[in-house]
Amino acid sequence: MEQIPYLQLRETIRNGDCILWQGTGFVPWAIMKWTDYSHASLVVRFQEAKGFEERVHIVESLSGGLKFNCLSYRLEKDKGRAFLFQPNCLWQNSQERIRVAAINDKVRGIKYDYKGLFTNLLGRVNNDAGRYFCSEFVWVKWGENGVLGNGNLTELGEKMLKKNKAPRPGDIPLWMNGKLTEIIA
């Protein structure tokens, strides 16, 4: 897997890309007993807004619900590792729809899906658009905006999509065709 410094990678990060995390601490450690990554977040860019042209923001489902964060801040603060996952077929119109949908969900105050998170560690849960855990949020936004078609899914991803199952963070690169790059802070 390629490793690229964040400042070199920043311009290539698109709306709708996913950041996968390998965090430190007890909760990430526990999650990574079942999956290769402990957290997933969705990229939201505001390139047309003055002062935000170079910024990369993420929307992530955390304990208090959906939160906006600046990716560079999270990379500085987080003691774990971060990876950029870019689906193969993320069209411009899908990128814009994902950005709008993620912002709308944040504004609506969607809560964290604690029950789904713990249940998903032991088995598989159905997607629930009423509450999200991290990778469920990414998966649902991709699904609502046409990214889970067009040859993006692996055979396993197709199977799980038909069953309406939510992925764990480590399932994303197993269920989707795309490029995975480690981000060096």
Protein backbone atom coordinates (compact mmCIF):
# COMPACT_ATOMS: atom_id res chain seq x y z
CA MET A 1 0.00 0.00 0.00
CA GLU A 2 1.23 3.43 -0.91
CA GLN A 3 2.02 5.97 1.85
CA ILE A 4 1.71 9.65 0.93
CA PRO A 5 2.12 12.77 3.09
CA TYR A 6 -1.17 14.57 3.71
CA LEU A 7 -0.09 17.83 2.06
CA GLN A 8 0.76 15.97 -1.17
CA LEU A 9 -2.46 13.96 -1.05
CA ARG A 10 -4.82 16.77 -0.05
CA GLU A 11 -5.66 17.99 -3.59
CA THR A 12 -6.72 14.49 -4.69
CA ILE A 13 -9.18 13.95 -1.82
CA ARG A 14 -12.76 14.19 -3.10
CA ASN A 15 -16.22 14.73 -1.66
CA GLY A 16 -17.51 11.28 -0.74
CA ASP A 17 -14.13 9.65 -0.17
CA CYS A 18 -13.74 7.73 3.08
CA ILE A 19 -11.08 8.12 5.75
CA LEU A 20 -10.42 4.91 7.67
CA TRP A 21 -8.72 5.10 11.05
CA GLN A 22 -6.70 2.74 13.22
CA GLY A 23 -7.10 4.48 16.55
CA THR A 24 -5.47 3.96 19.89
CA GLY A 25 -7.16 3.37 23.23
CA PHE A 26 -9.51 0.75 24.54
CA VAL A 27 -12.54 1.28 22.27
CA PRO A 28 -10.52 1.28 19.01
CA TRP A 29 -8.57 -1.73 20.26
CA ALA A 30 -11.82 -3.58 20.96
CA ILE A 31 -13.28 -2.71 17.55
CA MET A 32 -10.09 -3.82 15.80
CA LYS A 33 -10.49 -7.29 17.33
CA TRP A 34 -13.19 -7.75 14.63
CA THR A 35 -11.99 -5.47 11.85
CA ASP A 36 -8.78 -3.86 10.51
CA TYR A 37 -9.94 -0.29 11.19
CA SER A 38 -11.59 1.26 14.22
CA HIS A 39 -13.39 4.19 12.61
CA ALA A 40 -14.61 5.59 9.28
CA SER A 41 -15.46 9.15 8.26
CA LEU A 42 -16.80 10.77 5.10
CA VAL A 43 -15.00 13.58 3.24
CA VAL A 44 -16.87 16.84 2.63
CA ARG A 45 -15.10 19.62 0.71
CA PHE A 46 -16.07 23.28 0.27
CA GLN A 47 -13.68 24.17 -2.56
CA GLU A 48 -15.88 26.92 -3.96
CA ALA A 49 -16.12 28.75 -0.60
CA LYS A 50 -13.54 31.48 -0.12
CA GLY A 51 -11.06 30.50 2.57
CA PHE A 52 -11.95 26.80 2.37
CA GLU A 53 -10.43 25.97 -1.04
CA GLU A 54 -7.63 23.81 0.36
CA ARG A 55 -9.41 22.51 3.48
CA VAL A 56 -10.60 18.94 3.72
CA HIS A 57 -13.45 18.42 6.16
CA ILE A 58 -14.93 15.17 7.36
CA VAL A 59 -18.31 14.27 8.76
CA GLU A 60 -18.07 11.46 11.27
CA SER A 61 -20.46 9.67 13.53
CA LEU A 62 -19.11 10.00 17.06
CA SER A 63 -20.61 9.47 20.50
CA GLY A 64 -22.51 12.79 20.37
CA GLY A 65 -23.88 12.18 16.85
CA LEU A 66 -22.64 13.49 13.52
CA LYS A 67 -19.73 15.96 13.81
CA PHE A 68 -17.76 18.14 11.40
CA ASN A 69 -14.00 18.05 11.76
CA CYS A 70 -11.09 19.38 9.78
CA LEU A 71 -9.05 16.41 8.54
CA SER A 72 -5.70 18.11 9.20
CA TYR A 73 -6.74 18.76 12.80
CA ARG A 74 -7.77 15.12 13.28
CA LEU A 75 -4.49 13.92 11.76
CA GLU A 76 -2.52 16.15 14.16
CA LYS A 77 -4.56 15.16 17.21
CA ASP A 78 -5.00 11.44 16.56
CA LYS A 79 -2.22 9.11 17.69
CA GLY A 80 -3.27 6.28 15.38
CA ARG A 81 -3.01 5.83 11.63
CA ALA A 82 -5.27 7.19 8.86
CA PHE A 83 -6.03 5.81 5.40
CA LEU A 84 -7.76 7.36 2.41
CA PHE A 85 -10.19 5.03 0.64
CA GLN A 86 -11.34 6.28 -2.77
CA PRO A 87 -14.12 4.29 -4.48
CA ASN A 88 -13.38 3.64 -8.16
CA CYS A 89 -16.60 5.17 -9.51
CA LEU A 90 -17.32 8.33 -7.55
CA TRP A 91 -18.85 10.62 -10.15
CA GLN A 92 -19.00 14.41 -9.79
CA ASN A 93 -22.81 14.47 -9.38
CA SER A 94 -22.57 11.74 -6.70
CA GLN A 95 -19.88 13.72 -4.90
CA GLU A 96 -22.09 16.81 -4.69
CA ARG A 97 -25.16 14.82 -3.57
CA ILE A 98 -23.09 13.08 -0.86
CA ARG A 99 -21.82 16.42 0.41
CA VAL A 100 -25.34 17.88 0.61
CA ALA A 101 -26.76 14.72 2.24
CA ALA A 102 -23.98 14.58 4.86
CA ILE A 103 -24.44 18.25 5.75
CA ASN A 104 -28.23 17.83 5.95
CA ASP A 105 -27.88 14.83 8.28
CA LYS A 106 -25.46 16.77 10.48
CA VAL A 107 -27.85 19.73 10.68
CA ARG A 108 -30.79 17.42 11.47
CA GLY A 109 -28.91 16.17 14.53
CA ILE A 110 -28.83 12.45 13.70
CA LYS A 111 -27.72 10.53 16.80
CA TYR A 112 -25.09 7.83 17.26
CA ASP A 113 -26.19 4.20 16.85
CA TYR A 114 -24.71 2.59 19.98
CA LYS A 115 -26.93 -0.47 19.73
CA GLY A 116 -26.02 -1.00 16.08
CA LEU A 117 -22.31 -0.63 16.81
CA PHE A 118 -22.25 -3.29 19.52
CA THR A 119 -24.58 -5.60 17.63
CA ASN A 120 -22.46 -5.24 14.47
CA LEU A 121 -19.38 -6.36 16.37
CA LEU A 122 -21.10 -9.64 17.18
CA GLY A 123 -22.95 -10.12 13.88
CA ARG A 124 -24.33 -7.96 11.11
CA VAL A 125 -27.01 -5.33 11.46
CA ASN A 126 -29.29 -3.78 8.89
CA ASN A 127 -28.65 -0.21 7.84
CA ASP A 128 -30.65 2.26 9.95
CA ALA A 129 -30.96 5.78 8.58
CA GLY A 130 -32.41 6.99 11.90
CA ARG A 131 -29.10 6.60 13.76
CA TYR A 132 -25.60 5.82 12.52
CA PHE A 133 -22.37 4.30 13.67
CA CYS A 134 -19.36 5.45 11.66
CA SER A 135 -19.11 2.98 8.76
CA GLU A 136 -22.89 2.69 8.53
CA PHE A 137 -23.07 6.45 7.89
CA VAL A 138 -20.53 6.22 5.04
CA TRP A 139 -22.28 3.19 3.52
CA VAL A 140 -25.76 4.73 3.66
CA LYS A 141 -24.61 8.02 2.10
CA TRP A 142 -22.87 6.09 -0.69
CA GLY A 143 -25.99 3.96 -1.20
CA GLU A 144 -28.39 6.92 -1.29
CA ASN A 145 -26.23 8.67 -3.87
CA GLY A 146 -25.45 5.97 -6.42
CA VAL A 147 -21.95 4.94 -5.38
CA LEU A 148 -22.84 1.34 -4.49
CA GLY A 149 -23.45 0.50 -8.14
CA ASN A 150 -21.46 0.99 -11.33
CA GLY A 151 -19.02 -1.84 -10.60
CA ASN A 152 -17.89 -0.38 -7.29
CA LEU A 153 -18.86 -3.41 -5.21
CA THR A 154 -16.90 -6.60 -4.79
CA GLU A 155 -18.78 -9.91 -4.82
CA LEU A 156 -18.97 -9.81 -1.01
CA GLY A 157 -20.19 -6.22 -1.13
CA GLU A 158 -22.96 -7.16 -3.57
CA LYS A 159 -24.05 -9.97 -1.24
CA MET A 160 -24.13 -7.67 1.82
CA LEU A 161 -25.93 -4.90 -0.08
CA LYS A 162 -28.69 -7.33 -1.10
CA LYS A 163 -29.06 -8.29 2.57
CA ASN A 164 -29.09 -4.56 3.57
CA LYS A 165 -26.20 -5.12 5.99
CA ALA A 166 -24.06 -2.35 7.43
CA PRO A 167 -20.28 -2.70 7.17
CA ARG A 168 -17.70 -2.50 9.92
CA PRO A 169 -14.95 0.03 9.11
CA GLY A 170 -12.62 -2.73 7.85
CA ASP A 171 -15.32 -4.08 5.54
CA ILE A 172 -15.30 -0.96 3.38
CA PRO A 173 -12.15 -1.85 1.37
CA LEU A 174 -13.32 -5.50 1.25
CA TRP A 175 -16.82 -4.68 0.00
CA MET A 176 -15.86 -1.83 -2.38
CA ASN A 177 -13.47 -1.59 -5.31
CA GLY A 178 -11.19 1.35 -4.81
CA LYS A 179 -7.79 2.67 -3.87
CA LEU A 180 -6.44 2.60 -0.32
CA THR A 181 -3.59 4.95 0.60
CA GLU A 182 -2.03 5.54 4.00
CA ILE A 183 -2.00 9.22 4.94
CA ILE A 184 1.26 10.33 6.54
CA ALA A 185 0.62 13.31 8.82
